Structures are given as C-alpha cells and as structure tokens.
Amino acid sequence: MTELSLSDIAASLVMVLFTLIIYQAFAWLQKKFNQAWLNPMLLAIAVIIPLMLYLEISFEHYYSATLPLSQLLEPAVVALGFPLYQHLKTIRQQAKFIIPILALGTMIVILLSFAMTVFLIAIPEIAVSLSLKSVTTPIGIALTEQLKGDTSITAFAIILAGLFGGLLGPSWLHFIGVDSPKAQSLAIGAASHALGTASVSKISHQHAAYSSLALILSAVLTAILSPSLIIMLTNFLTNI
C-alpha cells in the first residue's frame, strides 16, 4: 500500500472541508430563503467543477481526496430505510397496487425514452443509455455496459434526472393536480432515485418512506425488465 505524505493528507483535508463548506453554505441559503432552485447539490456542483477546471485539478485526484465523503453515502442510503420501516404495515396493505403501477411506469419510461431518442438522433447506443436514466447509478451503469450503451451518458442522465426531480418534481406534480403525498413520493422515487428521494425526505417521513420504496422497486424492476425490452426494441428497429 502506498503511504500518504503529509502534503497529500493536507490536500485531502482541504478538499473535503472546501466541499463541505460550499455545500453547507448553499444548504443554509436554501433553508433561509425557502427556494427550491437553491438546491445545495446542484449549486455546489456548479461551483466546484469550474474551480477544479481553473485550478487544473483532475476528477481522479478530487475523487480520491474526497473519498471519505463518498463512503458516507452508503450509511446515508441505508438510513432511508428507517422511514420505510415505520410505514411498512401500510405499505404491505397497498403493495398489490404499488408494484403493478411501478412496473407499468418502468416499462413506459424505458420504451418512451428509447423510442424518442432513436427517433430524434437515430443512435441506438445513446438510446440505451438514456432509457436507463431513472435508476441508481451502479445499476444504471451495469445495465448500460451489458446492453452496449455509453456509460458516461447514462451517469450524466442519472444525475440530471435526480437533480431536476428533486428540484422541480414536487412543484410540477402539484401543478398537474397530484397532491397525494404517497403518489408524489412514488413518482419522484421512481423517476429521480436517491437524489429525488433525499429531496422529498425533507417534507415528511411519509414522503421518505414511499419514495424509498419506489427507488428500490424501480431499480429491481428495471434490472429485470430493461434487458428484454431494449433487446426487443433494438431488434424491431433493425428490421424496419
């Protein structure tokens, strides 16, 4: 194992503190002004990336330096299971409705995303990548590799789906008349995975529970359904 020098440790601490300060500053602003567009994750990314480019800090170097922060995501995701446990009795009673709805929604998202992308740009590899945008990053990238898509496009699309779902999802759903906390949470968890779930979890424990449920079930359903659906669509298009 390569030993870290004092300068490497100091640089890592500086980047971790720098990242935390920027994120917490925007989180404070969002709490103070109560504006959805002041999303701390989105704004932190908008600040950190230009600074990295200006200071010529590579992504690999930044990622390795801030690895402790990335590792904290694992217990944070597990923590989302607590509100799910709190509402487990109610969720069990409604499972026969929730699972078919999420399965139908998963199929519609995959089919529409794939078909629209092929129609607009006619590149099947990109169509594969964009059709897998509504699941967590590890599953989306693994499926993209299996189905011969572009993993970088999938990762970017997943981030966008999460950010915009968390930022605009509740307001949009309210605008179109979806006011039920359960329906809102299932929609955002299915479409915007962990980022959307983290955002709506601030509203209530019920939002956190149902969004976490949708996140988990949508990931499982996508992993099961997407290979056969995408292969079927690809074969259909090549035979036209």
Protein backbone atom coordinates (compact mmCIF):
# COMPACT_ATOMS: atom_id res chain seq x y z
CA MET A 1 0.00 0.00 0.00
CA THR A 2 1.35 3.45 -0.92
CA GLU A 3 1.95 5.66 2.11
CA LEU A 4 0.42 9.11 2.02
CA SER A 5 2.67 12.08 2.63
CA LEU A 6 1.69 14.95 4.92
CA SER A 7 1.10 17.14 1.88
CA ASP A 8 -1.31 14.55 0.42
CA ILE A 9 -3.23 14.32 3.70
CA ALA A 10 -3.36 18.11 3.98
CA ALA A 11 -4.61 18.43 0.38
CA SER A 12 -7.28 15.82 1.04
CA LEU A 13 -8.46 17.62 4.19
CA VAL A 14 -8.58 20.94 2.34
CA MET A 15 -10.73 19.48 -0.47
CA VAL A 16 -13.09 17.75 1.98
CA LEU A 17 -13.51 20.94 4.03
CA PHE A 18 -13.88 23.03 0.89
CA THR A 19 -16.63 20.73 -0.43
CA LEU A 20 -18.47 20.68 2.90
CA ILE A 21 -18.30 24.46 3.32
CA ILE A 22 -19.70 25.10 -0.18
CA TYR A 23 -22.50 22.55 0.26
CA GLN A 24 -23.45 23.78 3.73
CA ALA A 25 -23.42 27.41 2.57
CA PHE A 26 -25.97 26.65 -0.15
CA ALA A 27 -27.97 24.46 2.26
CA TRP A 28 -28.14 27.43 4.65
CA LEU A 29 -29.27 29.71 1.82
CA GLN A 30 -31.99 27.27 0.78
CA LYS A 31 -33.25 26.99 4.35
CA LYS A 32 -33.16 30.77 4.86
CA PHE A 33 -34.96 31.76 1.65
CA ASN A 34 -37.02 28.53 1.22
CA GLN A 35 -36.47 28.45 -2.55
CA ALA A 36 -36.41 25.12 -4.39
CA TRP A 37 -33.94 26.39 -7.00
CA LEU A 38 -31.34 26.94 -4.26
CA ASN A 39 -30.62 23.22 -4.33
CA PRO A 40 -27.30 22.77 -2.48
CA MET A 41 -26.16 19.79 -4.52
CA LEU A 42 -26.85 21.46 -7.87
CA LEU A 43 -25.23 24.75 -6.86
CA ALA A 44 -22.25 23.04 -5.22
CA ILE A 45 -21.60 21.16 -8.48
CA ALA A 46 -21.93 24.43 -10.42
CA VAL A 47 -19.22 25.99 -8.22
CA ILE A 48 -16.83 23.07 -7.71
CA ILE A 49 -16.48 21.96 -11.35
CA PRO A 50 -15.38 25.39 -12.69
CA LEU A 51 -12.95 25.74 -9.78
CA MET A 52 -11.47 22.32 -10.49
CA LEU A 53 -11.01 23.28 -14.14
CA TYR A 54 -9.46 26.65 -13.21
CA LEU A 55 -7.06 25.08 -10.68
CA GLU A 56 -6.35 22.14 -13.06
CA ILE A 57 -7.42 19.53 -10.51
CA SER A 58 -8.33 16.27 -12.22
CA PHE A 59 -11.51 14.41 -11.36
CA GLU A 60 -9.46 11.37 -10.29
CA HIS A 61 -7.45 13.48 -7.84
CA TYR A 62 -10.55 15.18 -6.42
CA TYR A 63 -12.40 11.86 -6.13
CA SER A 64 -9.55 10.13 -4.26
CA ALA A 65 -9.09 13.15 -1.98
CA THR A 66 -12.78 13.31 -1.05
CA LEU A 67 -13.32 9.54 -0.87
CA PRO A 68 -14.35 9.70 2.82
CA LEU A 69 -17.34 11.81 1.80
CA SER A 70 -18.31 9.31 -0.90
CA GLN A 71 -18.12 6.47 1.61
CA LEU A 72 -20.62 8.26 3.84
CA LEU A 73 -23.22 7.83 1.10
CA GLU A 74 -23.57 4.13 1.97
CA PRO A 75 -24.88 4.62 5.54
CA ALA A 76 -26.92 7.61 4.31
CA VAL A 77 -28.73 5.41 1.78
CA VAL A 78 -29.29 2.74 4.43
CA ALA A 79 -30.78 5.43 6.69
CA LEU A 80 -33.51 5.98 4.10
CA GLY A 81 -34.79 2.54 5.07
CA PHE A 82 -35.88 3.73 8.54
CA PRO A 83 -38.95 5.73 7.44
CA LEU A 84 -39.75 2.83 5.12
CA TYR A 85 -39.79 0.52 8.15
CA GLN A 86 -42.05 2.97 10.01
CA HIS A 87 -44.70 2.72 7.28
CA LEU A 88 -44.18 -0.96 6.49
CA LYS A 89 -47.63 -2.07 7.70
CA THR A 90 -49.45 0.40 5.43
CA ILE A 91 -47.14 -0.34 2.51
CA ARG A 92 -47.85 -4.07 2.80
CA GLN A 93 -51.56 -3.40 2.53
CA GLN A 94 -51.05 -1.32 -0.63
CA ALA A 95 -48.36 -3.48 -2.26
CA LYS A 96 -50.79 -5.13 -4.70
CA PHE A 97 -51.47 -1.70 -6.19
CA ILE A 98 -47.99 -0.17 -5.90
CA ILE A 99 -46.00 -2.94 -7.59
CA PRO A 100 -48.09 -3.13 -10.82
CA ILE A 101 -48.14 0.68 -11.10
CA LEU A 102 -44.36 0.90 -10.73
CA ALA A 103 -43.85 -1.97 -13.17
CA LEU A 104 -46.04 -0.22 -15.77
CA GLY A 105 -44.29 3.08 -15.15
CA THR A 106 -40.86 1.46 -15.52
CA MET A 107 -41.82 -0.09 -18.86
CA ILE A 108 -43.29 3.17 -20.16
CA VAL A 109 -40.18 5.16 -19.22
CA ILE A 110 -37.83 2.68 -20.90
CA LEU A 111 -39.95 2.36 -24.05
CA LEU A 112 -40.60 6.09 -24.50
CA SER A 113 -37.03 7.16 -23.73
CA PHE A 114 -35.59 4.62 -26.14
CA ALA A 115 -38.11 5.31 -28.94
CA MET A 116 -37.85 9.11 -28.66
CA THR A 117 -34.05 9.07 -28.67
CA VAL A 118 -33.91 6.81 -31.74
CA PHE A 119 -36.50 8.98 -33.48
CA LEU A 120 -34.58 12.21 -32.75
CA ILE A 121 -30.94 11.18 -33.23
CA ALA A 122 -31.06 7.59 -34.53
CA ILE A 123 -28.16 6.33 -32.40
CA PRO A 124 -29.16 3.13 -30.55
CA GLU A 125 -26.21 3.31 -28.11
CA ILE A 126 -27.39 6.69 -26.81
CA ALA A 127 -30.98 5.44 -26.75
CA VAL A 128 -29.90 2.58 -24.48
CA SER A 129 -28.06 4.99 -22.19
CA LEU A 130 -30.93 7.46 -21.85
CA SER A 131 -33.56 4.77 -21.32
CA LEU A 132 -31.77 3.77 -18.08
CA LYS A 133 -31.67 7.25 -16.53
CA SER A 134 -34.23 6.64 -13.75
CA VAL A 135 -32.33 4.18 -11.57
CA THR A 136 -29.42 4.46 -9.16
CA THR A 137 -26.01 4.94 -10.78
CA PRO A 138 -24.47 1.48 -10.08
CA ILE A 139 -27.46 -0.37 -11.57
CA GLY A 140 -27.80 2.04 -14.50
CA ILE A 141 -24.13 1.76 -15.44
CA ALA A 142 -24.07 -2.04 -15.06
CA LEU A 143 -27.12 -2.40 -17.31
CA THR A 144 -25.69 0.07 -19.84
CA GLU A 145 -22.48 -1.94 -20.10
CA GLN A 146 -24.47 -5.14 -20.55
CA LEU A 147 -26.64 -3.60 -23.29
CA LYS A 148 -23.72 -1.92 -25.16
CA GLY A 149 -24.63 1.66 -24.29
CA ASP A 150 -22.45 4.61 -23.27
CA THR A 151 -21.91 4.60 -19.50
CA SER A 152 -20.79 8.24 -19.36
CA ILE A 153 -24.09 9.37 -20.92
CA THR A 154 -26.03 7.16 -18.51
CA ALA A 155 -24.21 8.60 -15.50
CA PHE A 156 -24.83 12.16 -16.69
CA ALA A 157 -28.51 11.46 -17.42
CA ILE A 158 -28.98 9.85 -13.99
CA ILE A 159 -27.55 12.92 -12.27
CA LEU A 160 -29.81 15.23 -14.28
CA ALA A 161 -32.89 13.10 -13.57
CA GLY A 162 -32.11 13.15 -9.86
CA LEU A 163 -31.37 16.87 -9.67
CA PHE A 164 -34.35 18.06 -11.70
CA GLY A 165 -36.71 15.59 -9.99
CA GLY A 166 -35.61 16.79 -6.58
CA LEU A 167 -35.65 20.43 -7.64
CA LEU A 168 -38.86 20.64 -9.68
CA GLY A 169 -40.68 17.36 -9.01
CA PRO A 170 -42.96 18.38 -6.10
CA SER A 171 -43.90 21.72 -7.72
CA TRP A 172 -44.64 20.08 -11.08
CA LEU A 173 -46.75 17.33 -9.53
CA HIS A 174 -48.72 19.89 -7.54
CA PHE A 175 -49.20 21.94 -10.73
CA ILE A 176 -50.74 18.98 -12.59
CA GLY A 177 -53.01 18.13 -9.67
CA VAL A 178 -51.09 15.32 -7.98
CA ASP A 179 -51.34 16.36 -4.32
CA SER A 180 -51.31 12.99 -2.56
CA PRO A 181 -48.03 12.62 -0.59
CA LYS A 182 -47.93 8.91 -1.45
CA ALA A 183 -48.39 9.50 -5.19
CA GLN A 184 -45.85 12.33 -5.23
CA SER A 185 -43.30 10.23 -3.38
CA LEU A 186 -43.74 7.16 -5.58
CA ALA A 187 -43.38 9.30 -8.72
CA ILE A 188 -40.23 11.07 -7.56
CA GLY A 189 -38.62 7.94 -6.13
CA ALA A 190 -39.26 6.06 -9.38
CA ALA A 191 -38.07 8.85 -11.68
CA SER A 192 -35.34 10.55 -9.67
CA HIS A 193 -33.89 7.74 -7.49
CA ALA A 194 -31.73 8.67 -4.47
CA LEU A 195 -31.32 12.37 -5.21
CA GLY A 196 -35.05 12.90 -5.57
CA THR A 197 -35.71 10.77 -2.50
CA ALA A 198 -33.25 12.78 -0.41
CA SER A 199 -35.01 15.96 -1.51
CA VAL A 200 -38.60 14.88 -0.71
CA SER A 201 -37.49 13.24 2.54
CA LYS A 202 -37.24 16.75 3.97
CA ILE A 203 -41.01 17.19 3.53
CA SER A 204 -42.18 14.32 5.77
CA HIS A 205 -41.42 10.78 6.91
CA GLN A 206 -44.24 9.55 4.68
CA HIS A 207 -42.59 11.11 1.64
CA ALA A 208 -39.30 9.49 2.62
CA ALA A 209 -40.91 6.06 3.07
CA TYR A 210 -42.81 5.87 -0.21
CA SER A 211 -40.03 7.48 -2.24
CA SER A 212 -37.53 4.98 -0.82
CA LEU A 213 -39.92 2.16 -1.70
CA ALA A 214 -40.24 3.41 -5.27
CA LEU A 215 -36.48 3.81 -5.56
CA ILE A 216 -35.89 0.20 -4.54
CA LEU A 217 -38.69 -1.39 -6.53
CA SER A 218 -37.97 0.64 -9.68
CA ALA A 219 -34.32 -0.38 -9.58
CA VAL A 220 -35.25 -4.07 -9.25
CA LEU A 221 -37.93 -3.85 -11.95
CA THR A 222 -35.60 -2.00 -14.32
CA ALA A 223 -32.90 -4.62 -13.82
CA ILE A 224 -35.42 -7.37 -14.62
CA LEU A 225 -37.36 -5.74 -17.46
CA SER A 226 -34.91 -3.50 -19.32
CA PRO A 227 -32.69 -6.17 -20.97
CA SER A 228 -35.58 -7.90 -22.73
CA LEU A 229 -37.38 -4.63 -23.56
CA ILE A 230 -34.32 -2.92 -25.02
CA ILE A 231 -33.22 -6.00 -26.98
CA MET A 232 -36.76 -6.33 -28.36
CA LEU A 233 -36.80 -2.65 -29.40
CA THR A 234 -33.34 -2.85 -30.93
CA ASN A 235 -34.26 -5.93 -32.99
CA PHE A 236 -37.52 -4.29 -34.05
CA LEU A 237 -35.78 -1.14 -35.26
CA THR A 238 -33.07 -3.02 -37.14
CA ASN A 239 -35.72 -4.97 -39.03
CA ILE A 240 -37.64 -1.89 -40.16
